[in-house]
PDB file of N, CA and C in Angstrom:
ATOM      1  N   TYR A   1       0.831  -1.195   0.000  1.00  0.00           N
ATOM      2  CA  TYR A   1       0.000   0.000   0.000  1.00  0.00           C
ATOM      3  C   TYR A   1       0.874   1.257   0.000  1.00  0.00           C
ATOM      4  N   GLU A   2       1.775   1.339   0.954  1.00  0.00           N
ATOM      5  CA  GLU A   2       2.622   2.528   1.082  1.00  0.00           C
ATOM      6  C   GLU A   2       3.490   2.727  -0.161  1.00  0.00           C
ATOM      7  N   PHE A   3       4.052   1.630  -0.687  1.00  0.00           N
ATOM      8  CA  PHE A   3       4.866   1.722  -1.904  1.00  0.00           C
ATOM      9  C   PHE A   3       4.060   2.347  -3.034  1.00  0.00           C
ATOM     10  N   ALA A   4       2.839   1.890  -3.219  1.00  0.00           N
ATOM     11  CA  ALA A   4       1.995   2.399  -4.304  1.00  0.00           C
ATOM     12  C   ALA A   4       1.631   3.861  -4.087  1.00  0.00           C
ATOM     13  N   VAL A   5       1.232   4.215  -2.877  1.00  0.00           N
ATOM     14  CA  VAL A   5       0.793   5.586  -2.598  1.00  0.00           C
ATOM     15  C   VAL A   5       1.944   6.582  -2.765  1.00  0.00           C
ATOM     16  N   ILE A   6       3.150   6.158  -2.480  1.00  0.00           N
ATOM     17  CA  ILE A   6       4.307   7.048  -2.634  1.00  0.00           C
ATOM     18  C   ILE A   6       4.786   7.098  -4.080  1.00  0.00           C
ATOM     19  N   ASN A   7       4.882   5.948  -4.745  1.00  0.00           N
ATOM     20  CA  ASN A   7       5.545   5.881  -6.044  1.00  0.00           C
ATOM     21  C   ASN A   7       4.645   6.054  -7.261  1.00  0.00           C
ATOM     22  N   VAL A   8       3.416   5.578  -7.214  1.00  0.00           N
ATOM     23  CA  VAL A   8       2.535   5.706  -8.382  1.00  0.00           C
ATOM     24  C   VAL A   8       2.330   7.173  -8.769  1.00  0.00           C
ATOM     25  N   PRO A   9       2.061   8.080  -7.825  1.00  0.00           N
ATOM     26  CA  PRO A   9       1.884   9.477  -8.234  1.00  0.00           C
ATOM     27  C   PRO A   9       3.109  10.059  -8.939  1.00  0.00           C
ATOM     28  N   GLN A  10       4.295   9.651  -8.519  1.00  0.00           N
ATOM     29  CA  GLN A  10       5.517  10.154  -9.154  1.00  0.00           C
ATOM     30  C   GLN A  10       5.644   9.651 -10.592  1.00  0.00           C
ATOM     31  N   VAL A  11       5.333   8.386 -10.808  1.00  0.00           N
ATOM     32  CA  VAL A  11       5.391   7.819 -12.161  1.00  0.00           C
ATOM     33  C   VAL A  11       4.322   8.456 -13.044  1.00  0.00           C
ATOM     34  N   VAL A  12       3.138   8.650 -12.494  1.00  0.00           N
ATOM     35  CA  VAL A  12       2.054   9.288 -13.245  1.00  0.00           C
ATOM     36  C   VAL A  12       2.447  10.712 -13.619  1.00  0.00           C
ATOM     37  N   LYS A  13       3.042  11.442 -12.687  1.00  0.00           N
ATOM     38  CA  LYS A  13       3.474  12.818 -12.970  1.00  0.00           C
ATOM     39  C   LYS A  13       4.494  12.840 -14.103  1.00  0.00           C
ATOM     40  N   LYS A  14       5.423  11.898 -14.091  1.00  0.00           N
ATOM     41  CA  LYS A  14       6.409  11.822 -15.184  1.00  0.00           C
ATOM     42  C   LYS A  14       5.714  11.611 -16.528  1.00  0.00           C
ATOM     43  N   ALA A  15       4.722  10.736 -16.557  1.00  0.00           N
ATOM     44  CA  ALA A  15       3.994  10.471 -17.807  1.00  0.00           C
ATOM     45  C   ALA A  15       3.270  11.725 -18.285  1.00  0.00           C
ATOM     46  N   ILE A  16       2.634  12.432 -17.368  1.00  0.00           N
ATOM     47  CA  ILE A  16       1.919  13.660 -17.736  1.00  0.00           C
ATOM     48  C   ILE A  16       2.904  14.714 -18.233  1.00  0.00           C
ATOM     49  N   ASP A  17       3.987  14.900 -17.494  1.00  0.00           N
ATOM     50  CA  ASP A  17       4.973  15.914 -17.871  1.00  0.00           C
ATOM     51  C   ASP A  17       5.624  15.595 -19.217  1.00  0.00           C
ATOM     52  N   LYS A  18       5.920  14.328 -19.474  1.00  0.00           N
ATOM     53  CA  LYS A  18       6.509  13.937 -20.764  1.00  0.00           C
ATOM     54  C   LYS A  18       5.537  14.124 -21.919  1.00  0.00           C
ATOM     55  N   SER A  19       4.253  14.091 -21.632  1.00  0.00           N
ATOM     56  CA  SER A  19       3.257  14.261 -22.696  1.00  0.00           C
ATOM     57  C   SER A  19       3.042  15.733 -23.048  1.00  0.00           C
ATOM     58  N   CYS A  20       3.654  16.622 -22.265  1.00  0.00           N
ATOM     59  CA  CYS A  20       3.573  18.076 -22.507  1.00  0.00           C
ATOM     60  C   CYS A  20       2.144  18.605 -22.430  1.00  0.00           C
ATOM     61  N   ILE A  21       1.351  18.033 -21.543  1.00  0.00           N
ATOM     62  CA  ILE A  21       0.008  18.565 -21.288  1.00  0.00           C
ATOM     63  C   ILE A  21      -0.089  18.889 -19.802  1.00  0.00           C
ATOM     64  N   ASP A  22      -1.133  19.591 -19.432  1.00  0.00           N
ATOM     65  CA  ASP A  22      -1.376  19.910 -18.025  1.00  0.00           C
ATOM     66  C   ASP A  22      -2.264  18.846 -17.400  1.00  0.00           C
ATOM     67  N   LEU A  23      -2.133  18.690 -16.103  1.00  0.00           N
ATOM     68  CA  LEU A  23      -2.989  17.757 -15.378  1.00  0.00           C
ATOM     69  C   LEU A  23      -4.462  18.051 -15.644  1.00  0.00           C
ATOM     70  N   LYS A  24      -4.815  19.323 -15.729  1.00  0.00           N
ATOM     71  CA  LYS A  24      -6.219  19.707 -15.957  1.00  0.00           C
ATOM     72  C   LYS A  24      -6.737  19.282 -17.325  1.00  0.00           C
ATOM     73  N   ASP A  25      -5.837  18.949 -18.259  1.00  0.00           N
ATOM     74  CA  ASP A  25      -6.254  18.488 -19.585  1.00  0.00           C
ATOM     75  C   ASP A  25      -6.744  17.044 -19.574  1.00  0.00           C
ATOM     76  N   ILE A  26      -6.419  16.306 -18.532  1.00  0.00           N
ATOM     77  CA  ILE A  26      -6.833  14.906 -18.431  1.00  0.00           C
ATOM     78  C   ILE A  26      -8.269  14.857 -17.924  1.00  0.00           C
ATOM     79  N   LYS A  27      -9.134  14.252 -18.715  1.00  0.00           N
ATOM     80  CA  LYS A  27     -10.564  14.227 -18.385  1.00  0.00           C
ATOM     81  C   LYS A  27     -10.983  12.989 -17.609  1.00  0.00           C
ATOM     82  N   THR A  28     -10.228  11.882 -17.768  1.00  0.00           N
ATOM     83  CA  THR A  28     -10.561  10.648 -17.060  1.00  0.00           C
ATOM     84  C   THR A  28      -9.274   9.936 -16.672  1.00  0.00           C
ATOM     85  N   VAL A  29      -9.257   9.380 -15.479  1.00  0.00           N
ATOM     86  CA  VAL A  29      -8.132   8.562 -15.027  1.00  0.00           C
ATOM     87  C   VAL A  29      -8.650   7.144 -14.830  1.00  0.00           C
ATOM     88  N   PHE A  30      -8.094   6.229 -15.597  1.00  0.00           N
ATOM     89  CA  PHE A  30      -8.417   4.809 -15.463  1.00  0.00           C
ATOM     90  C   PHE A  30      -7.290   4.190 -14.643  1.00  0.00           C
ATOM     91  N   ILE A  31      -7.580   3.928 -13.378  1.00  0.00           N
ATOM     92  CA  ILE A  31      -6.557   3.405 -12.476  1.00  0.00           C
ATOM     93  C   ILE A  31      -6.924   1.975 -12.075  1.00  0.00           C
ATOM     94  N   HIS A  32      -5.901   1.159 -11.879  1.00  0.00           N
ATOM     95  CA  HIS A  32      -6.117  -0.229 -11.467  1.00  0.00           C
ATOM     96  C   HIS A  32      -6.980  -0.264 -10.211  1.00  0.00           C
ATOM     97  N   GLN A  33      -7.988  -1.082 -10.215  1.00  0.00           N
ATOM     98  CA  GLN A  33      -8.988  -1.132  -9.147  1.00  0.00           C
ATOM     99  C   GLN A  33      -8.645  -2.201  -8.104  1.00  0.00           C
ATOM    100  N   ALA A  34      -7.499  -2.049  -7.453  1.00  0.00           N
ATOM    101  CA  ALA A  34      -7.105  -3.029  -6.442  1.00  0.00           C
ATOM    102  C   ALA A  34      -7.665  -2.691  -5.066  1.00  0.00           C
ATOM    103  N   ASN A  35      -7.734  -1.395  -4.774  1.00  0.00           N
ATOM    104  CA  ASN A  35      -8.113  -0.956  -3.438  1.00  0.00           C
ATOM    105  C   ASN A  35      -8.599   0.488  -3.557  1.00  0.00           C
ATOM    106  N   GLY A  36      -9.853   0.723  -3.293  1.00  0.00           N
ATOM    107  CA  GLY A  36     -10.428   2.054  -3.451  1.00  0.00           C
ATOM    108  C   GLY A  36      -9.757   3.103  -2.590  1.00  0.00           C
ATOM    109  N   LYS A  37      -9.469   2.759  -1.338  1.00  0.00           N
ATOM    110  CA  LYS A  37      -8.801   3.702  -0.435  1.00  0.00           C
ATOM    111  C   LYS A  37      -7.428   4.078  -0.983  1.00  0.00           C
ATOM    112  N   MET A  38      -6.699   3.087  -1.494  1.00  0.00           N
ATOM    113  CA  MET A  38      -5.378   3.338  -2.052  1.00  0.00           C
ATOM    114  C   MET A  38      -5.479   4.221  -3.296  1.00  0.00           C
ATOM    115  N   ASP A  39      -6.442   3.943  -4.171  1.00  0.00           N
ATOM    116  CA  ASP A  39      -6.598   4.745  -5.386  1.00  0.00           C
ATOM    117  C   ASP A  39      -6.893   6.202  -5.055  1.00  0.00           C
ATOM    118  N   HIS A  40      -7.733   6.433  -4.058  1.00  0.00           N
ATOM    119  CA  HIS A  40      -8.033   7.810  -3.648  1.00  0.00           C
ATOM    120  C   HIS A  40      -6.781   8.494  -3.086  1.00  0.00           C
ATOM    121  N   ALA A  41      -5.998   7.765  -2.306  1.00  0.00           N
ATOM    122  CA  ALA A  41      -4.763   8.319  -1.740  1.00  0.00           C
ATOM    123  C   ALA A  41      -3.752   8.631  -2.843  1.00  0.00           C
ATOM    124  N   ILE A  42      -3.668   7.765  -3.842  1.00  0.00           N
ATOM    125  CA  ILE A  42      -2.766   7.999  -4.980  1.00  0.00           C
ATOM    126  C   ILE A  42      -3.166   9.272  -5.710  1.00  0.00           C
ATOM    127  N   MET A  43      -4.448   9.428  -5.977  1.00  0.00           N
ATOM    128  CA  MET A  43      -4.911  10.617  -6.701  1.00  0.00           C
ATOM    129  C   MET A  43      -4.685  11.885  -5.884  1.00  0.00           C
ATOM    130  N   LYS A  44      -4.944  11.814  -4.599  1.00  0.00           N
ATOM    131  CA  LYS A  44      -4.736  12.980  -3.737  1.00  0.00           C
ATOM    132  C   LYS A  44      -3.268  13.393  -3.749  1.00  0.00           C
ATOM    133  N   ARG A  45      -2.383  12.407  -3.657  1.00  0.00           N
ATOM    134  CA  ARG A  45      -0.948  12.710  -3.664  1.00  0.00           C
ATOM    135  C   ARG A  45      -0.501  13.236  -5.022  1.00  0.00           C
ATOM    136  N   LEU A  46      -1.066  12.709  -6.111  1.00  0.00           N
ATOM    137  CA  LEU A  46      -0.743  13.219  -7.447  1.00  0.00           C
ATOM    138  C   LEU A  46      -1.098  14.699  -7.546  1.00  0.00           C
ATOM    139  N   PHE A  47      -2.275  15.050  -7.108  1.00  0.00           N
ATOM    140  CA  PHE A  47      -2.699  16.450  -7.183  1.00  0.00           C
ATOM    141  C   PHE A  47      -1.832  17.342  -6.308  1.00  0.00           C
ATOM    142  N   LYS A  48      -1.358  16.830  -5.171  1.00  0.00           N
ATOM    143  CA  LYS A  48      -0.449  17.611  -4.323  1.00  0.00           C
ATOM    144  C   LYS A  48       0.880  17.863  -5.030  1.00  0.00           C
ATOM    145  N   LEU A  49       1.327  16.922  -5.876  1.00  0.00           N
ATOM    146  CA  LEU A  49       2.562  17.132  -6.641  1.00  0.00           C
ATOM    147  C   LEU A  49       2.431  18.319  -7.591  1.00  0.00           C
ATOM    148  N   TYR A  50       1.206  18.656  -7.948  1.00  0.00           N
ATOM    149  CA  TYR A  50       0.929  19.812  -8.806  1.00  0.00           C
ATOM    150  C   TYR A  50       0.418  21.000  -7.983  1.00  0.00           C
ATOM    151  N   ASN A  51       0.618  20.934  -6.668  1.00  0.00           N
ATOM    152  CA  ASN A  51       0.177  21.994  -5.748  1.00  0.00           C
ATOM    153  C   ASN A  51      -1.323  22.253  -5.822  1.00  0.00           C
ATOM    154  N   LEU A  52      -2.082  21.202  -6.004  1.00  0.00           N
ATOM    155  CA  LEU A  52      -3.541  21.280  -6.039  1.00  0.00           C
ATOM    156  C   LEU A  52      -4.096  20.485  -4.863  1.00  0.00           C
ATOM    157  N   ASP A  53      -5.106  21.033  -4.211  1.00  0.00           N
ATOM    158  CA  ASP A  53      -5.655  20.397  -3.008  1.00  0.00           C
ATOM    159  C   ASP A  53      -6.814  19.448  -3.268  1.00  0.00           C
ATOM    160  N   THR A  54      -7.491  19.622  -4.403  1.00  0.00           N
ATOM    161  CA  THR A  54      -8.726  18.883  -4.623  1.00  0.00           C
ATOM    162  C   THR A  54      -8.684  18.067  -5.909  1.00  0.00           C
ATOM    163  N   VAL A  55      -9.075  16.813  -5.807  1.00  0.00           N
ATOM    164  CA  VAL A  55      -9.232  15.949  -6.975  1.00  0.00           C
ATOM    165  C   VAL A  55     -10.672  16.124  -7.464  1.00  0.00           C
ATOM    166  N   PRO A  56     -10.866  16.463  -8.740  1.00  0.00           N
ATOM    167  CA  PRO A  56     -12.243  16.615  -9.245  1.00  0.00           C
ATOM    168  C   PRO A  56     -13.058  15.336  -9.029  1.00  0.00           C
ATOM    169  N   GLU A  57     -14.327  15.511  -8.685  1.00  0.00           N
ATOM    170  CA  GLU A  57     -15.193  14.368  -8.370  1.00  0.00           C
ATOM    171  C   GLU A  57     -15.329  13.377  -9.517  1.00  0.00           C
ATOM    172  N   ARG A  58     -15.539  13.840 -10.703  1.00  0.00           N
ATOM    173  CA  ARG A  58     -15.800  12.950 -11.844  1.00  0.00           C
ATOM    174  C   ARG A  58     -14.555  12.733 -12.691  1.00  0.00           C
ATOM    175  N   LEU A  59     -13.435  12.432 -12.038  1.00  0.00           N
ATOM    176  CA  LEU A  59     -12.197  12.188 -12.763  1.00  0.00           C
ATOM    177  C   LEU A  59     -11.866  10.700 -12.830  1.00  0.00           C
ATOM    178  N   VAL A  60     -12.170   9.978 -11.761  1.00  0.00           N
ATOM    179  CA  VAL A  60     -11.745   8.580 -11.642  1.00  0.00           C
ATOM    180  C   VAL A  60     -12.963   7.668 -11.483  1.00  0.00           C
ATOM    181  N   PRO A  61     -13.361   6.973 -12.544  1.00  0.00           N
ATOM    182  CA  PRO A  61     -14.454   6.010 -12.388  1.00  0.00           C
ATOM    183  C   PRO A  61     -13.984   4.828 -11.534  1.00  0.00           C
ATOM    184  N   MET A  62     -14.822   4.428 -10.583  1.00  0.00           N
ATOM    185  CA  MET A  62     -14.468   3.326  -9.693  1.00  0.00           C
ATOM    186  C   MET A  62     -15.511   2.216  -9.802  1.00  0.00           C
ATOM    187  N   THR A  63     -15.028   0.995  -9.945  1.00  0.00           N
ATOM    188  CA  THR A  63     -15.918  -0.164 -10.031  1.00  0.00           C
ATOM    189  C   THR A  63     -15.607  -1.225  -8.982  1.00  0.00           C
ATOM    190  N   ILE A  64     -14.592  -0.995  -8.184  1.00  0.00           N
ATOM    191  CA  ILE A  64     -14.167  -2.027  -7.239  1.00  0.00           C
ATOM    192  C   ILE A  64     -15.286  -2.423  -6.274  1.00  0.00           C
ATOM    193  N   SER A  65     -16.174  -1.503  -5.952  1.00  0.00           N
ATOM    194  CA  SER A  65     -17.243  -1.812  -4.997  1.00  0.00           C
ATOM    195  C   SER A  65     -18.226  -2.849  -5.531  1.00  0.00           C
ATOM    196  N   TRP A  66     -18.348  -2.971  -6.842  1.00  0.00           N
ATOM    197  CA  TRP A  66     -19.288  -3.956  -7.390  1.00  0.00           C
ATOM    198  C   TRP A  66     -18.632  -5.000  -8.284  1.00  0.00           C
ATOM    199  N   LEU A  67     -17.355  -4.799  -8.656  1.00  0.00           N
ATOM    200  CA  LEU A  67     -16.659  -5.816  -9.453  1.00  0.00           C
ATOM    201  C   LEU A  67     -15.496  -6.460  -8.710  1.00  0.00           C
ATOM    202  N   GLY A  68     -15.019  -5.800  -7.672  1.00  0.00           N
ATOM    203  CA  GLY A  68     -13.853  -6.308  -6.973  1.00  0.00           C
ATOM    204  C   GLY A  68     -12.589  -6.083  -7.785  1.00  0.00           C
ATOM    205  N   ASN A  69     -11.518  -6.716  -7.356  1.00  0.00           N
ATOM    206  CA  ASN A  69     -10.231  -6.614  -8.037  1.00  0.00           C
ATOM    207  C   ASN A  69     -10.113  -7.780  -9.008  1.00  0.00           C
ATOM    208  N   SER A  70     -10.182  -7.484 -10.286  1.00  0.00           N
ATOM    209  CA  SER A  70     -10.077  -8.547 -11.295  1.00  0.00           C
ATOM    210  C   SER A  70      -8.686  -8.592 -11.920  1.00  0.00           C
ATOM    211  N   SER A  71      -7.686  -8.220 -11.140  1.00  0.00           N
ATOM    212  CA  SER A  71      -6.282  -8.300 -11.526  1.00  0.00           C
ATOM    213  C   SER A  71      -6.003  -7.475 -12.773  1.00  0.00           C
ATOM    214  N   VAL A  72      -5.322  -8.048 -13.749  1.00  0.00           N
ATOM    215  CA  VAL A  72      -4.909  -7.290 -14.936  1.00  0.00           C
ATOM    216  C   VAL A  72      -6.075  -6.856 -15.809  1.00  0.00           C
ATOM    217  N   ALA A  73      -7.256  -7.359 -15.542  1.00  0.00           N
ATOM    218  CA  ALA A  73      -8.421  -7.005 -16.369  1.00  0.00           C
ATOM    219  C   ALA A  73      -9.149  -5.751 -15.885  1.00  0.00           C
ATOM    220  N   THR A  74      -8.727  -5.160 -14.768  1.00  0.00           N
ATOM    221  CA  THR A  74      -9.510  -4.046 -14.227  1.00  0.00           C
ATOM    222  C   THR A  74      -9.574  -2.847 -15.161  1.00  0.00           C
ATOM    223  N   ILE A  75      -8.461  -2.430 -15.726  1.00  0.00           N
ATOM    224  CA  ILE A  75      -8.488  -1.246 -16.600  1.00  0.00           C
ATOM    225  C   ILE A  75      -9.213  -1.536 -17.908  1.00  0.00           C
ATOM    226  N   PRO A  76      -8.920  -2.635 -18.612  1.00  0.00           N
ATOM    227  CA  PRO A  76      -9.694  -2.907 -19.835  1.00  0.00           C
ATOM    228  C   PRO A  76     -11.194  -3.053 -19.568  1.00  0.00           C
ATOM    229  N   THR A  77     -11.550  -3.680 -18.456  1.00  0.00           N
ATOM    230  CA  THR A  77     -12.964  -3.821 -18.104  1.00  0.00           C
ATOM    231  C   THR A  77     -13.581  -2.456 -17.838  1.00  0.00           C
ATOM    232  N   LEU A  78     -12.868  -1.617 -17.130  1.00  0.00           N
ATOM    233  CA  LEU A  78     -13.353  -0.276 -16.817  1.00  0.00           C
ATOM    234  C   LEU A  78     -13.573   0.543 -18.087  1.00  0.00           C
ATOM    235  N   ILE A  79     -12.621   0.487 -19.012  1.00  0.00           N
ATOM    236  CA  ILE A  79     -12.773   1.212 -20.283  1.00  0.00           C
ATOM    237  C   ILE A  79     -13.997   0.699 -21.036  1.00  0.00           C
ATOM    238  N   ASP A  80     -14.150  -0.608 -21.093  1.00  0.00           N
ATOM    239  CA  ASP A  80     -15.298  -1.195 -21.786  1.00  0.00           C
ATOM    240  C   ASP A  80     -16.612  -0.733 -21.163  1.00  0.00           C
ATOM    241  N   LEU A  81     -16.678  -0.726 -19.845  1.00  0.00           N
ATOM    242  CA  LEU A  81     -17.899  -0.296 -19.164  1.00  0.00           C
ATOM    243  C   LEU A  81     -18.202   1.181 -19.425  1.00  0.00           C
ATOM    244  N   VAL A  82     -17.171   2.013 -19.431  1.00  0.00           N
ATOM    245  CA  VAL A  82     -17.380   3.440 -19.716  1.00  0.00           C
ATOM    246  C   VAL A  82     -17.836   3.620 -21.161  1.00  0.00           C
ATOM    247  N   LEU A  83     -17.203   2.907 -22.092  1.00  0.00           N
ATOM    248  CA  LEU A  83     -17.606   2.998 -23.502  1.00  0.00           C
ATOM    249  C   LEU A  83     -19.062   2.579 -23.703  1.00  0.00           C
ATOM    250  N   LYS A  84     -19.521   1.623 -22.908  1.00  0.00           N
ATOM    251  CA  LYS A  84     -20.898   1.122 -23.018  1.00  0.00           C
ATOM    252  C   LYS A  84     -21.873   1.877 -22.107  1.00  0.00           C
ATOM    253  N   ASN A  85     -21.415   3.010 -21.543  1.00  0.00           N
ATOM    254  CA  ASN A  85     -22.250   3.836 -20.655  1.00  0.00           C
ATOM    255  C   ASN A  85     -22.777   3.070 -19.443  1.00  0.00           C
ATOM    256  N   LYS A  86     -21.960   2.188 -18.898  1.00  0.00           N
ATOM    257  CA  LYS A  86     -22.359   1.388 -17.739  1.00  0.00           C
ATOM    258  C   LYS A  86     -21.834   1.963 -16.416  1.00  0.00           C
ATOM    259  N   VAL A  87     -21.043   3.046 -16.505  1.00  0.00           N
ATOM    260  CA  VAL A  87     -20.539   3.710 -15.307  1.00  0.00           C
ATOM    261  C   VAL A  87     -21.088   5.134 -15.347  1.00  0.00           C
ATOM    262  N   GLU A  88     -22.090   5.377 -14.534  1.00  0.00           N
ATOM    263  CA  GLU A  88     -22.818   6.646 -14.576  1.00  0.00           C
ATOM    264  C   GLU A  88     -21.893   7.849 -14.380  1.00  0.00           C
ATOM    265  N   GLY A  89     -22.066   8.838 -15.249  1.00  0.00           N
ATOM    266  CA  GLY A  89     -21.321  10.082 -15.130  1.00  0.00           C
ATOM    267  C   GLY A  89     -20.003  10.108 -15.869  1.00  0.00           C
ATOM    268  N   TYR A  90     -19.668   9.023 -16.542  1.00  0.00           N
ATOM    269  CA  TYR A  90     -18.396   8.954 -17.258  1.00  0.00           C
ATOM    270  C   TYR A  90     -18.634   8.614 -18.715  1.00  0.00           C
ATOM    271  N   LYS A  91     -17.831   9.245 -19.581  1.00  0.00           N
ATOM    272  CA  LYS A  91     -17.881   8.926 -21.005  1.00  0.00           C
ATOM    273  C   LYS A  91     -16.517   9.209 -21.605  1.00  0.00           C
ATOM    274  N   ILE A  92     -16.275   8.601 -22.739  1.00  0.00           N
ATOM    275  CA  ILE A  92     -15.041   8.830 -23.479  1.00  0.00           C
ATOM    276  C   ILE A  92     -15.397   9.660 -24.699  1.00  0.00           C
ATOM    277  N   VAL A  93     -14.698  10.774 -24.849  1.00  0.00           N
ATOM    278  CA  VAL A  93     -14.957  11.696 -25.947  1.00  0.00           C
ATOM    279  C   VAL A  93     -13.718  11.766 -26.831  1.00  0.00           C
ATOM    280  N   LYS A  94     -13.926  11.599 -28.132  1.00  0.00           N
ATOM    281  CA  LYS A  94     -12.813  11.660 -29.077  1.00  0.00           C
ATOM    282  C   LYS A  94     -12.078  12.992 -28.916  1.00  0.00           C
ATOM    283  N   GLY A  95     -10.762  12.905 -28.860  1.00  0.00           N
ATOM    284  CA  GLY A  95      -9.920  14.084 -28.717  1.00  0.00           C
ATOM    285  C   GLY A  95      -9.533  14.399 -27.284  1.00  0.00           C
ATOM    286  N   GLU A  96     -10.239  13.815 -26.313  1.00  0.00           N
ATOM    287  CA  GLU A  96      -9.910  14.071 -24.912  1.00  0.00           C
ATOM    288  C   GLU A  96      -8.763  13.171 -24.448  1.00  0.00           C
ATOM    289  N   TYR A  97      -8.048  13.666 -23.440  1.00  0.00           N
ATOM    290  CA  TYR A  97      -6.944  12.911 -22.856  1.00  0.00           C
ATOM    291  C   TYR A  97      -7.435  12.079 -21.676  1.00  0.00           C
ATOM    292  N   ALA A  98      -6.879  10.887 -21.589  1.00  0.00           N
ATOM    293  CA  ALA A  98      -7.124  10.016 -20.442  1.00  0.00           C
ATOM    294  C   ALA A  98      -5.774   9.548 -19.920  1.00  0.00           C
ATOM    295  N   LEU A  99      -5.765   9.143 -18.691  1.00  0.00           N
ATOM    296  CA  LEU A  99      -4.561   8.615 -18.076  1.00  0.00           C
ATOM    297  C   LEU A  99      -4.852   7.191 -17.632  1.00  0.00           C
ATOM    298  N   PHE A 100      -3.927   6.301 -17.898  1.00  0.00           N
ATOM    299  CA  PHE A 100      -4.020   4.916 -17.441  1.00  0.00           C
ATOM    300  C   PHE A 100      -2.882   4.690 -16.453  1.00  0.00           C
ATOM    301  N   ALA A 101      -3.189   4.125 -15.290  1.00  0.00           N
ATOM    302  CA  ALA A 101      -2.159   3.890 -14.283  1.00  0.00           C
ATOM    303  C   ALA A 101      -2.426   2.576 -13.569  1.00  0.00           C
ATOM    304  N   SER A 102      -1.345   1.848 -13.310  1.00  0.00           N
ATOM    305  CA  SER A 102      -1.500   0.591 -12.581  1.00  0.00           C
ATOM    306  C   SER A 102      -0.251   0.303 -11.763  1.00  0.00           C
ATOM    307  N   VAL A 103      -0.449  -0.490 -10.747  1.00  0.00           N
ATOM    308  CA  VAL A 103       0.653  -0.989  -9.933  1.00  0.00           C
ATOM    309  C   VAL A 103       0.349  -2.456  -9.680  1.00  0.00           C
ATOM    310  N   GLY A 104       1.375  -3.295  -9.794  1.00  0.00           N
ATOM    311  CA  GLY A 104       1.179  -4.729  -9.627  1.00  0.00           C
ATOM    312  C   GLY A 104       1.787  -5.240  -8.339  1.00  0.00           C
ATOM    313  N   ALA A 105       1.402  -6.457  -7.993  1.00  0.00           N
ATOM    314  CA  ALA A 105       1.881  -7.078  -6.759  1.00  0.00           C
ATOM    315  C   ALA A 105       3.397  -7.182  -6.736  1.00  0.00           C
ATOM    316  N   GLY A 106       4.010  -7.303  -7.908  1.00  0.00           N
ATOM    317  CA  GLY A 106       5.464  -7.349  -7.997  1.00  0.00           C
ATOM    318  C   GLY A 106       6.083  -5.973  -7.934  1.00  0.00           C
ATOM    319  N   MET A 107       5.261  -4.968  -7.650  1.00  0.00           N
ATOM    320  CA  MET A 107       5.667  -3.577  -7.504  1.00  0.00           C
ATOM    321  C   MET A 107       6.137  -2.947  -8.810  1.00  0.00           C
ATOM    322  N   HIS A 108       5.521  -3.350  -9.890  1.00  0.00           N
ATOM    323  CA  HIS A 108       5.741  -2.700 -11.175  1.00  0.00           C
ATOM    324  C   HIS A 108       4.704  -1.594 -11.311  1.00  0.00           C
ATOM    325  N   ILE A 109       5.132  -0.439 -11.800  1.00  0.00           N
ATOM    326  CA  ILE A 109       4.221   0.691 -11.971  1.00  0.00           C
ATOM    327  C   ILE A 109       4.221   1.090 -13.436  1.00  0.00           C
ATOM    328  N   ASN A 110       3.030   1.315 -13.967  1.00  0.00           N
ATOM    329  CA  ASN A 110       2.885   1.747 -15.351  1.00  0.00           C
ATOM    330  C   ASN A 110       1.949   2.937 -15.396  1.00  0.00           C
ATOM    331  N   ALA A 111       2.250   3.886 -16.285  1.00  0.00           N
ATOM    332  CA  ALA A 111       1.361   5.028 -16.492  1.00  0.00           C
ATOM    333  C   ALA A 111       1.538   5.510 -17.923  1.00  0.00           C
ATOM    334  N   VAL A 112       0.418   5.845 -18.544  1.00  0.00           N
ATOM    335  CA  VAL A 112       0.462   6.358 -19.910  1.00  0.00           C
ATOM    336  C   VAL A 112      -0.660   7.372 -20.082  1.00  0.00           C
ATOM    337  N   VAL A 113      -0.360   8.419 -20.839  1.00  0.00           N
ATOM    338  CA  VAL A 113      -1.377   9.392 -21.221  1.00  0.00           C
ATOM    339  C   VAL A 113      -1.810   9.028 -22.629  1.00  0.00           C
ATOM    340  N   TYR A 114      -3.112   8.999 -22.859  1.00  0.00           N
ATOM    341  CA  TYR A 114      -3.653   8.582 -24.156  1.00  0.00           C
ATOM    342  C   TYR A 114      -4.697   9.592 -24.617  1.00  0.00           C
ATOM    343  N   ARG A 115      -4.666   9.903 -25.901  1.00  0.00           N
ATOM    344  CA  ARG A 115      -5.683  10.787 -26.471  1.00  0.00           C
ATOM    345  C   ARG A 115      -6.619   9.951 -27.327  1.00  0.00           C
ATOM    346  N   PHE A 116      -7.894   9.952 -26.978  1.00  0.00           N
ATOM    347  CA  PHE A 116      -8.880   9.169 -27.717  1.00  0.00           C
ATOM    348  C   PHE A 116      -9.194   9.806 -29.050  1.00  0.00           C
TER     349      PHE A 116
END
């Protein structure tokens, strides 16, 4: 938990900075759904790295409460559900930026900025 909360925001920030866009340009964050409390802590710490206190409410769709942790399938499943309008309040719009972030049990961290 602590490893992820400390390191994932740093890796995500590097991905955002390398993409030459601002954090505010990212409309949706698809994060691995291993632990809701951890995901919220990761997002809060990411925003603090940009000197921002508040994470926008409709930035991170969460499904862990009704799907659980489905391992490597969480992000693809989440994208599919959003595309099919199965996650209320979220949609994918062509031209918008999204962020994908994950951390694995082996402590591998991945982050990518993608433009739909």
